């Protein structure tokens, strides 16, 4: 089951970086994605942003999730960046699902 969490705002042209720390669990593969919770008022089509991030029709780009295992292998940290390529402030949340 997926869980939506966090309510965030991002100004036009802005970008932000997030990280999520979890303990290591056997047979656990997380999936973290970004979803817009407000509409875009900027006309345009889907494409790639100047930073190489995917850009949806709502102009909200998110990087792939990177991960780093702790030195003692007991924890793992996931990193993701989000970019607003629109002309207006965008609201967004995260969705996490365990596979």
PDB file of N, CA and C in Angstrom:
ATOM      1  N   UNK A   1       0.841  -1.178   0.000  1.00  0.00           N
ATOM      2  CA  UNK A   1       0.000   0.000   0.000  1.00  0.00           C
ATOM      3  C   UNK A   1       0.883   1.237   0.000  1.00  0.00           C
ATOM      4  N   UNK A   2       0.505   2.244  -0.739  1.00  0.00           N
ATOM      5  CA  UNK A   2       1.264   3.487  -0.839  1.00  0.00           C
ATOM      6  C   UNK A   2       0.817   4.468   0.236  1.00  0.00           C
ATOM      7  N   UNK A   3       1.774   5.280   0.692  1.00  0.00           N
ATOM      8  CA  UNK A   3       1.509   6.289   1.706  1.00  0.00           C
ATOM      9  C   UNK A   3       1.915   7.649   1.169  1.00  0.00           C
ATOM     10  N   UNK A   4       0.996   8.612   1.195  1.00  0.00           N
ATOM     11  CA  UNK A   4       1.309   9.982   0.788  1.00  0.00           C
ATOM     12  C   UNK A   4       1.719  10.760   2.028  1.00  0.00           C
ATOM     13  N   UNK A   5       2.807  11.528   1.926  1.00  0.00           N
ATOM     14  CA  UNK A   5       3.250  12.311   3.076  1.00  0.00           C
ATOM     15  C   UNK A   5       3.884  13.617   2.618  1.00  0.00           C
ATOM     16  N   UNK A   6       3.899  14.573   3.528  1.00  0.00           N
ATOM     17  CA  UNK A   6       4.530  15.865   3.270  1.00  0.00           C
ATOM     18  C   UNK A   6       3.688  16.761   2.399  1.00  0.00           C
ATOM     19  N   UNK A   7       3.638  18.029   2.754  1.00  0.00           N
ATOM     20  CA  UNK A   7       3.001  19.052   1.941  1.00  0.00           C
ATOM     21  C   UNK A   7       4.042  20.124   1.731  1.00  0.00           C
ATOM     22  N   UNK A   8       4.414  20.346   0.491  1.00  0.00           N
ATOM     23  CA  UNK A   8       5.503  21.259   0.180  1.00  0.00           C
ATOM     24  C   UNK A   8       5.085  22.245  -0.889  1.00  0.00           C
ATOM     25  N   UNK A   9       5.701  23.428  -0.879  1.00  0.00           N
ATOM     26  CA  UNK A   9       5.506  24.453  -1.900  1.00  0.00           C
ATOM     27  C   UNK A   9       6.853  24.762  -2.520  1.00  0.00           C
ATOM     28  N   UNK A  10       6.843  25.019  -3.818  1.00  0.00           N
ATOM     29  CA  UNK A  10       8.071  25.345  -4.520  1.00  0.00           C
ATOM     30  C   UNK A  10       7.803  26.515  -5.456  1.00  0.00           C
ATOM     31  N   UNK A  11       8.581  27.580  -5.313  1.00  0.00           N
ATOM     32  CA  UNK A  11       8.397  28.794  -6.106  1.00  0.00           C
ATOM     33  C   UNK A  11       8.819  28.564  -7.553  1.00  0.00           C
ATOM     34  N   UNK A  12       8.357  29.404  -8.480  1.00  0.00           N
ATOM     35  CA  UNK A  12       8.742  29.257  -9.887  1.00  0.00           C
ATOM     36  C   UNK A  12      10.263  29.255 -10.059  1.00  0.00           C
ATOM     37  N   UNK A  13      10.756  28.289 -10.807  1.00  0.00           N
ATOM     38  CA  UNK A  13      12.186  28.174 -11.055  1.00  0.00           C
ATOM     39  C   UNK A  13      12.990  27.623  -9.893  1.00  0.00           C
ATOM     40  N   UNK A  14      12.335  27.295  -8.801  1.00  0.00           N
ATOM     41  CA  UNK A  14      13.033  26.818  -7.608  1.00  0.00           C
ATOM     42  C   UNK A  14      13.312  25.333  -7.648  1.00  0.00           C
ATOM     43  N   UNK A  15      14.276  24.921  -6.836  1.00  0.00           N
ATOM     44  CA  UNK A  15      14.553  23.502  -6.668  1.00  0.00           C
ATOM     45  C   UNK A  15      14.880  23.258  -5.205  1.00  0.00           C
ATOM     46  N   UNK A  16      14.642  22.033  -4.774  1.00  0.00           N
ATOM     47  CA  UNK A  16      14.863  21.673  -3.376  1.00  0.00           C
ATOM     48  C   UNK A  16      15.340  20.231  -3.314  1.00  0.00           C
ATOM     49  N   UNK A  17      16.091  19.900  -2.282  1.00  0.00           N
ATOM     50  CA  UNK A  17      16.701  18.588  -2.120  1.00  0.00           C
ATOM     51  C   UNK A  17      16.190  17.969  -0.821  1.00  0.00           C
ATOM     52  N   UNK A  18      15.759  16.716  -0.862  1.00  0.00           N
ATOM     53  CA  UNK A  18      15.247  16.022   0.315  1.00  0.00           C
ATOM     54  C   UNK A  18      16.039  14.747   0.548  1.00  0.00           C
ATOM     55  N   UNK A  19      16.066  14.301   1.805  1.00  0.00           N
ATOM     56  CA  UNK A  19      16.610  12.985   2.102  1.00  0.00           C
ATOM     57  C   UNK A  19      15.731  12.309   3.144  1.00  0.00           C
ATOM     58  N   UNK A  20      15.655  10.987   3.052  1.00  0.00           N
ATOM     59  CA  UNK A  20      14.832  10.172   3.941  1.00  0.00           C
ATOM     60  C   UNK A  20      15.711   9.049   4.483  1.00  0.00           C
ATOM     61  N   UNK A  21      15.799   8.912   5.798  1.00  0.00           N
ATOM     62  CA  UNK A  21      16.621   7.880   6.415  1.00  0.00           C
ATOM     63  C   UNK A  21      15.722   6.783   6.974  1.00  0.00           C
ATOM     64  N   UNK A  22      16.117   5.529   6.737  1.00  0.00           N
ATOM     65  CA  UNK A  22      15.368   4.370   7.235  1.00  0.00           C
ATOM     66  C   UNK A  22      16.344   3.316   7.691  1.00  0.00           C
ATOM     67  N   UNK A  23      15.884   2.447   8.575  1.00  0.00           N
ATOM     68  CA  UNK A  23      16.718   1.317   8.956  1.00  0.00           C
ATOM     69  C   UNK A  23      16.655   0.270   7.845  1.00  0.00           C
ATOM     70  N   UNK A  24      17.699  -0.503   7.714  1.00  0.00           N
ATOM     71  CA  UNK A  24      17.764  -1.530   6.679  1.00  0.00           C
ATOM     72  C   UNK A  24      16.828  -2.675   7.062  1.00  0.00           C
ATOM     73  N   UNK A  25      16.016  -3.105   6.115  1.00  0.00           N
ATOM     74  CA  UNK A  25      15.074  -4.196   6.310  1.00  0.00           C
ATOM     75  C   UNK A  25      15.268  -5.217   5.197  1.00  0.00           C
ATOM     76  N   UNK A  26      15.343  -6.485   5.563  1.00  0.00           N
ATOM     77  CA  UNK A  26      15.511  -7.538   4.547  1.00  0.00           C
ATOM     78  C   UNK A  26      14.307  -7.564   3.617  1.00  0.00           C
ATOM     79  N   UNK A  27      14.553  -7.830   2.341  1.00  0.00           N
ATOM     80  CA  UNK A  27      13.505  -7.934   1.323  1.00  0.00           C
ATOM     81  C   UNK A  27      12.668  -6.670   1.212  1.00  0.00           C
ATOM     82  N   UNK A  28      13.290  -5.515   1.351  1.00  0.00           N
ATOM     83  CA  UNK A  28      12.595  -4.234   1.291  1.00  0.00           C
ATOM     84  C   UNK A  28      13.161  -3.421   0.137  1.00  0.00           C
ATOM     85  N   UNK A  29      12.300  -2.962  -0.743  1.00  0.00           N
ATOM     86  CA  UNK A  29      12.699  -2.086  -1.837  1.00  0.00           C
ATOM     87  C   UNK A  29      11.724  -0.920  -1.865  1.00  0.00           C
ATOM     88  N   UNK A  30      12.160   0.270  -1.444  1.00  0.00           N
ATOM     89  CA  UNK A  30      11.233   1.405  -1.405  1.00  0.00           C
ATOM     90  C   UNK A  30      11.042   2.016  -2.776  1.00  0.00           C
ATOM     91  N   UNK A  31       9.916   2.645  -2.957  1.00  0.00           N
ATOM     92  CA  UNK A  31       9.656   3.442  -4.148  1.00  0.00           C
ATOM     93  C   UNK A  31       9.117   4.769  -3.655  1.00  0.00           C
ATOM     94  N   UNK A  32       9.861   5.841  -3.887  1.00  0.00           N
ATOM     95  CA  UNK A  32       9.450   7.175  -3.465  1.00  0.00           C
ATOM     96  C   UNK A  32       9.238   8.003  -4.726  1.00  0.00           C
ATOM     97  N   UNK A  33       8.086   8.630  -4.842  1.00  0.00           N
ATOM     98  CA  UNK A  33       7.813   9.478  -5.992  1.00  0.00           C
ATOM     99  C   UNK A  33       7.229  10.810  -5.525  1.00  0.00           C
ATOM    100  N   UNK A  34       7.185  11.757  -6.444  1.00  0.00           N
ATOM    101  CA  UNK A  34       6.667  13.094  -6.171  1.00  0.00           C
ATOM    102  C   UNK A  34       5.396  13.274  -6.980  1.00  0.00           C
ATOM    103  N   UNK A  35       4.342  13.782  -6.335  1.00  0.00           N
ATOM    104  CA  UNK A  35       3.095  14.049  -7.052  1.00  0.00           C
ATOM    105  C   UNK A  35       2.672  15.498  -6.822  1.00  0.00           C
ATOM    106  N   UNK A  36       2.206  16.183  -7.859  1.00  0.00           N
ATOM    107  CA  UNK A  36       1.708  17.549  -7.673  1.00  0.00           C
ATOM    108  C   UNK A  36       0.356  17.504  -6.969  1.00  0.00           C
ATOM    109  N   UNK A  37       0.126  18.462  -6.086  1.00  0.00           N
ATOM    110  CA  UNK A  37      -1.175  18.564  -5.415  1.00  0.00           C
ATOM    111  C   UNK A  37      -1.867  19.876  -5.752  1.00  0.00           C
ATOM    112  N   UNK A  38      -1.290  20.618  -6.707  1.00  0.00           N
ATOM    113  CA  UNK A  38      -1.932  21.816  -7.233  1.00  0.00           C
ATOM    114  C   UNK A  38      -1.756  21.813  -8.751  1.00  0.00           C
ATOM    115  N   UNK A  39      -2.658  22.466  -9.473  1.00  0.00           N
ATOM    116  CA  UNK A  39      -2.532  22.482 -10.933  1.00  0.00           C
ATOM    117  C   UNK A  39      -1.442  23.440 -11.384  1.00  0.00           C
ATOM    118  N   UNK A  40      -0.979  23.226 -12.598  1.00  0.00           N
ATOM    119  CA  UNK A  40      -0.043  24.158 -13.231  1.00  0.00           C
ATOM    120  C   UNK A  40      -0.850  25.139 -14.062  1.00  0.00           C
ATOM    121  N   UNK A  41      -0.413  26.383 -14.065  1.00  0.00           N
ATOM    122  CA  UNK A  41      -1.059  27.404 -14.880  1.00  0.00           C
ATOM    123  C   UNK A  41      -0.143  27.845 -16.016  1.00  0.00           C
ATOM    124  N   UNK A  42       0.914  27.070 -16.260  1.00  0.00           N
ATOM    125  CA  UNK A  42       1.873  27.373 -17.315  1.00  0.00           C
ATOM    126  C   UNK A  42       1.595  26.478 -18.509  1.00  0.00           C
ATOM    127  N   UNK A  43       1.331  27.049 -19.682  1.00  0.00           N
ATOM    128  CA  UNK A  43       1.112  26.205 -20.856  1.00  0.00           C
ATOM    129  C   UNK A  43       2.417  25.523 -21.263  1.00  0.00           C
ATOM    130  N   UNK A  44       2.314  24.360 -21.853  1.00  0.00           N
ATOM    131  CA  UNK A  44       3.509  23.668 -22.301  1.00  0.00           C
ATOM    132  C   UNK A  44       3.268  22.193 -22.447  1.00  0.00           C
ATOM    133  N   UNK A  45       4.253  21.536 -22.985  1.00  0.00           N
ATOM    134  CA  UNK A  45       4.186  20.101 -23.210  1.00  0.00           C
ATOM    135  C   UNK A  45       5.242  19.402 -22.367  1.00  0.00           C
ATOM    136  N   UNK A  46       5.125  18.098 -22.275  1.00  0.00           N
ATOM    137  CA  UNK A  46       6.104  17.315 -21.532  1.00  0.00           C
ATOM    138  C   UNK A  46       7.433  17.343 -22.269  1.00  0.00           C
ATOM    139  N   UNK A  47       8.517  17.240 -21.538  1.00  0.00           N
ATOM    140  CA  UNK A  47       9.846  17.248 -22.133  1.00  0.00           C
ATOM    141  C   UNK A  47      10.895  17.102 -21.062  1.00  0.00           C
ATOM    142  N   UNK A  48      12.091  17.515 -21.352  1.00  0.00           N
ATOM    143  CA  UNK A  48      13.170  17.447 -20.372  1.00  0.00           C
ATOM    144  C   UNK A  48      13.527  18.854 -19.927  1.00  0.00           C
ATOM    145  N   UNK A  49      13.840  19.002 -18.651  1.00  0.00           N
ATOM    146  CA  UNK A  49      14.233  20.303 -18.139  1.00  0.00           C
ATOM    147  C   UNK A  49      15.686  20.588 -18.504  1.00  0.00           C
ATOM    148  N   UNK A  50      16.111  21.809 -18.265  1.00  0.00           N
ATOM    149  CA  UNK A  50      17.492  22.182 -18.570  1.00  0.00           C
ATOM    150  C   UNK A  50      18.478  21.444 -17.680  1.00  0.00           C
ATOM    151  N   UNK A  51      18.034  20.983 -16.508  1.00  0.00           N
ATOM    152  CA  UNK A  51      18.918  20.258 -15.591  1.00  0.00           C
ATOM    153  C   UNK A  51      18.931  18.756 -15.894  1.00  0.00           C
ATOM    154  N   UNK A  52      18.199  18.340 -16.936  1.00  0.00           N
ATOM    155  CA  UNK A  52      18.153  16.926 -17.279  1.00  0.00           C
ATOM    156  C   UNK A  52      17.132  16.136 -16.482  1.00  0.00           C
ATOM    157  N   UNK A  53      16.348  16.826 -15.645  1.00  0.00           N
ATOM    158  CA  UNK A  53      15.315  16.149 -14.868  1.00  0.00           C
ATOM    159  C   UNK A  53      14.070  15.981 -15.727  1.00  0.00           C
ATOM    160  N   UNK A  54      13.300  14.921 -15.480  1.00  0.00           N
ATOM    161  CA  UNK A  54      12.068  14.770 -16.252  1.00  0.00           C
ATOM    162  C   UNK A  54      11.106  15.912 -15.937  1.00  0.00           C
ATOM    163  N   UNK A  55      10.394  16.364 -16.930  1.00  0.00           N
ATOM    164  CA  UNK A  55       9.458  17.468 -16.753  1.00  0.00           C
ATOM    165  C   UNK A  55       8.089  17.018 -17.240  1.00  0.00           C
ATOM    166  N   UNK A  56       7.126  16.970 -16.357  1.00  0.00           N
ATOM    167  CA  UNK A  56       5.776  16.558 -16.719  1.00  0.00           C
ATOM    168  C   UNK A  56       5.021  17.763 -17.265  1.00  0.00           C
ATOM    169  N   UNK A  57       3.807  17.535 -17.725  1.00  0.00           N
ATOM    170  CA  UNK A  57       2.996  18.616 -18.266  1.00  0.00           C
ATOM    171  C   UNK A  57       2.787  19.704 -17.225  1.00  0.00           C
ATOM    172  N   UNK A  58       2.818  19.339 -15.922  1.00  0.00           N
ATOM    173  CA  UNK A  58       2.675  20.361 -14.877  1.00  0.00           C
ATOM    174  C   UNK A  58       3.997  21.030 -14.533  1.00  0.00           C
ATOM    175  N   UNK A  59       5.059  20.722 -15.288  1.00  0.00           N
ATOM    176  CA  UNK A  59       6.377  21.319 -15.128  1.00  0.00           C
ATOM    177  C   UNK A  59       7.029  21.040 -13.771  1.00  0.00           C
ATOM    178  N   UNK A  60       6.681  19.952 -13.115  1.00  0.00           N
ATOM    179  CA  UNK A  60       7.302  19.564 -11.841  1.00  0.00           C
ATOM    180  C   UNK A  60       8.272  18.430 -12.129  1.00  0.00           C
ATOM    181  N   UNK A  61       9.553  18.681 -11.968  1.00  0.00           N
ATOM    182  CA  UNK A  61      10.570  17.673 -12.250  1.00  0.00           C
ATOM    183  C   UNK A  61      11.084  17.047 -10.972  1.00  0.00           C
ATOM    184  N   UNK A  62      11.393  15.760 -11.012  1.00  0.00           N
ATOM    185  CA  UNK A  62      11.955  15.063  -9.854  1.00  0.00           C
ATOM    186  C   UNK A  62      13.083  14.166 -10.331  1.00  0.00           C
ATOM    187  N   UNK A  63      14.150  14.141  -9.563  1.00  0.00           N
ATOM    188  CA  UNK A  63      15.293  13.312  -9.927  1.00  0.00           C
ATOM    189  C   UNK A  63      15.019  11.855  -9.592  1.00  0.00           C
ATOM    190  N   UNK A  64      15.818  10.952 -10.117  1.00  0.00           N
ATOM    191  CA  UNK A  64      15.761   9.574  -9.634  1.00  0.00           C
ATOM    192  C   UNK A  64      16.167   9.561  -8.156  1.00  0.00           C
ATOM    193  N   UNK A  65      15.762   8.555  -7.434  1.00  0.00           N
ATOM    194  CA  UNK A  65      16.124   8.449  -6.022  1.00  0.00           C
ATOM    195  C   UNK A  65      17.487   7.786  -5.908  1.00  0.00           C
ATOM    196  N   UNK A  66      18.410   8.459  -5.243  1.00  0.00           N
ATOM    197  CA  UNK A  66      19.718   7.868  -4.957  1.00  0.00           C
ATOM    198  C   UNK A  66      19.696   7.320  -3.549  1.00  0.00           C
ATOM    199  N   UNK A  67      20.545   6.361  -3.245  1.00  0.00           N
ATOM    200  CA  UNK A  67      20.586   5.820  -1.891  1.00  0.00           C
ATOM    201  C   UNK A  67      22.026   5.629  -1.449  1.00  0.00           C
ATOM    202  N   UNK A  68      22.212   5.616  -0.124  1.00  0.00           N
ATOM    203  CA  UNK A  68      23.524   5.408   0.463  1.00  0.00           C
ATOM    204  C   UNK A  68      23.359   4.566   1.720  1.00  0.00           C
ATOM    205  N   UNK A  69      24.086   3.465   1.774  1.00  0.00           N
ATOM    206  CA  UNK A  69      24.079   2.574   2.932  1.00  0.00           C
ATOM    207  C   UNK A  69      25.025   3.139   3.984  1.00  0.00           C
ATOM    208  N   UNK A  70      24.628   3.082   5.260  1.00  0.00           N
ATOM    209  CA  UNK A  70      25.495   3.584   6.327  1.00  0.00           C
ATOM    210  C   UNK A  70      26.731   2.698   6.472  1.00  0.00           C
ATOM    211  N   UNK A  71      27.760   3.221   7.115  1.00  0.00           N
ATOM    212  CA  UNK A  71      29.020   2.479   7.275  1.00  0.00           C
ATOM    213  C   UNK A  71      28.834   1.149   8.002  1.00  0.00           C
ATOM    214  N   UNK A  72      27.908   1.098   8.954  1.00  0.00           N
ATOM    215  CA  UNK A  72      27.680  -0.149   9.689  1.00  0.00           C
ATOM    216  C   UNK A  72      26.563  -0.995   9.085  1.00  0.00           C
ATOM    217  N   UNK A  73      26.040  -0.588   7.928  1.00  0.00           N
ATOM    218  CA  UNK A  73      25.000  -1.306   7.167  1.00  0.00           C
ATOM    219  C   UNK A  73      23.679  -1.440   7.924  1.00  0.00           C
ATOM    220  N   UNK A  74      23.447  -0.594   8.929  1.00  0.00           N
ATOM    221  CA  UNK A  74      22.191  -0.680   9.675  1.00  0.00           C
ATOM    222  C   UNK A  74      21.141   0.300   9.170  1.00  0.00           C
ATOM    223  N   UNK A  75      21.555   1.303   8.410  1.00  0.00           N
ATOM    224  CA  UNK A  75      20.623   2.302   7.912  1.00  0.00           C
ATOM    225  C   UNK A  75      20.909   2.649   6.470  1.00  0.00           C
ATOM    226  N   UNK A  76      19.901   3.185   5.824  1.00  0.00           N
ATOM    227  CA  UNK A  76      20.044   3.608   4.433  1.00  0.00           C
ATOM    228  C   UNK A  76      19.359   4.959   4.282  1.00  0.00           C
ATOM    229  N   UNK A  77      19.971   5.841   3.500  1.00  0.00           N
ATOM    230  CA  UNK A  77      19.427   7.169   3.263  1.00  0.00           C
ATOM    231  C   UNK A  77      19.110   7.310   1.780  1.00  0.00           C
ATOM    232  N   UNK A  78      17.915   7.807   1.494  1.00  0.00           N
ATOM    233  CA  UNK A  78      17.459   8.018   0.120  1.00  0.00           C
ATOM    234  C   UNK A  78      17.444   9.517  -0.153  1.00  0.00           C
ATOM    235  N   UNK A  79      17.915   9.921  -1.342  1.00  0.00           N
ATOM    236  CA  UNK A  79      18.009  11.324  -1.724  1.00  0.00           C
ATOM    237  C   UNK A  79      17.180  11.571  -2.982  1.00  0.00           C
ATOM    238  N   UNK A  80      16.491  12.712  -3.023  1.00  0.00           N
ATOM    239  CA  UNK A  80      15.700  13.083  -4.194  1.00  0.00           C
ATOM    240  C   UNK A  80      15.667  14.611  -4.299  1.00  0.00           C
ATOM    241  N   UNK A  81      15.735  15.129  -5.511  1.00  0.00           N
ATOM    242  CA  UNK A  81      15.606  16.574  -5.711  1.00  0.00           C
ATOM    243  C   UNK A  81      14.370  16.846  -6.560  1.00  0.00           C
ATOM    244  N   UNK A  82      13.755  18.010  -6.334  1.00  0.00           N
ATOM    245  CA  UNK A  82      12.530  18.403  -7.025  1.00  0.00           C
ATOM    246  C   UNK A  82      12.743  19.798  -7.604  1.00  0.00           C
ATOM    247  N   UNK A  83      12.260  20.008  -8.820  1.00  0.00           N
ATOM    248  CA  UNK A  83      12.453  21.283  -9.519  1.00  0.00           C
ATOM    249  C   UNK A  83      11.119  21.770 -10.072  1.00  0.00           C
ATOM    250  N   UNK A  84      10.826  23.061  -9.910  1.00  0.00           N
ATOM    251  CA  UNK A  84       9.610  23.677 -10.450  1.00  0.00           C
ATOM    252  C   UNK A  84       9.983  24.471 -11.696  1.00  0.00           C
ATOM    253  N   UNK A  85       9.550  24.009 -12.858  1.00  0.00           N
ATOM    254  CA  UNK A  85       9.846  24.667 -14.128  1.00  0.00           C
ATOM    255  C   UNK A  85       8.685  25.516 -14.633  1.00  0.00           C
ATOM    256  N   UNK A  86       7.703  25.773 -13.781  1.00  0.00           N
ATOM    257  CA  UNK A  86       6.526  26.525 -14.221  1.00  0.00           C
ATOM    258  C   UNK A  86       6.655  28.002 -13.851  1.00  0.00           C
ATOM    259  N   UNK A  87       5.629  28.764 -14.193  1.00  0.00           N
ATOM    260  CA  UNK A  87       5.597  30.199 -13.889  1.00  0.00           C
ATOM    261  C   UNK A  87       4.845  30.505 -12.602  1.00  0.00           C
ATOM    262  N   UNK A  88       4.407  29.481 -11.883  1.00  0.00           N
ATOM    263  CA  UNK A  88       3.662  29.699 -10.644  1.00  0.00           C
ATOM    264  C   UNK A  88       4.132  28.726  -9.570  1.00  0.00           C
ATOM    265  N   UNK A  89       3.790  29.042  -8.333  1.00  0.00           N
ATOM    266  CA  UNK A  89       4.145  28.160  -7.214  1.00  0.00           C
ATOM    267  C   UNK A  89       3.412  26.832  -7.361  1.00  0.00           C
ATOM    268  N   UNK A  90       4.122  25.739  -7.110  1.00  0.00           N
ATOM    269  CA  UNK A  90       3.557  24.400  -7.215  1.00  0.00           C
ATOM    270  C   UNK A  90       3.549  23.751  -5.837  1.00  0.00           C
ATOM    271  N   UNK A  91       2.448  23.112  -5.494  1.00  0.00           N
ATOM    272  CA  UNK A  91       2.334  22.324  -4.267  1.00  0.00           C
ATOM    273  C   UNK A  91       2.578  20.869  -4.638  1.00  0.00           C
ATOM    274  N   UNK A  92       3.281  20.123  -3.773  1.00  0.00           N
ATOM    275  CA  UNK A  92       3.527  18.712  -4.065  1.00  0.00           C
ATOM    276  C   UNK A  92       3.673  17.916  -2.778  1.00  0.00           C
ATOM    277  N   UNK A  93       3.527  16.606  -2.917  1.00  0.00           N
ATOM    278  CA  UNK A  93       3.694  15.662  -1.817  1.00  0.00           C
ATOM    279  C   UNK A  93       4.560  14.499  -2.298  1.00  0.00           C
ATOM    280  N   UNK A  94       4.961  13.662  -1.356  1.00  0.00           N
ATOM    281  CA  UNK A  94       5.691  12.438  -1.685  1.00  0.00           C
ATOM    282  C   UNK A  94       4.764  11.246  -1.510  1.00  0.00           C
ATOM    283  N   UNK A  95       5.023  10.214  -2.276  1.00  0.00           N
ATOM    284  CA  UNK A  95       4.306   8.957  -2.132  1.00  0.00           C
ATOM    285  C   UNK A  95       5.363   7.864  -1.989  1.00  0.00           C
ATOM    286  N   UNK A  96       5.207   7.028  -0.971  1.00  0.00           N
ATOM    287  CA  UNK A  96       6.143   5.929  -0.753  1.00  0.00           C
ATOM    288  C   UNK A  96       5.381   4.608  -0.768  1.00  0.00           C
ATOM    289  N   UNK A  97       5.945   3.643  -1.466  1.00  0.00           N
ATOM    290  CA  UNK A  97       5.383   2.295  -1.493  1.00  0.00           C
ATOM    291  C   UNK A  97       6.534   1.313  -1.240  1.00  0.00           C
ATOM    292  N   UNK A  98       6.261   0.266  -0.523  1.00  0.00           N
ATOM    293  CA  UNK A  98       7.258  -0.766  -0.246  1.00  0.00           C
ATOM    294  C   UNK A  98       6.995  -1.958  -1.151  1.00  0.00           C
ATOM    295  N   UNK A  99       8.047  -2.441  -1.802  1.00  0.00           N
ATOM    296  CA  UNK A  99       7.913  -3.593  -2.666  1.00  0.00           C
ATOM    297  C   UNK A  99       8.653  -4.769  -2.056  1.00  0.00           C
TER     298      UNK A  99
END
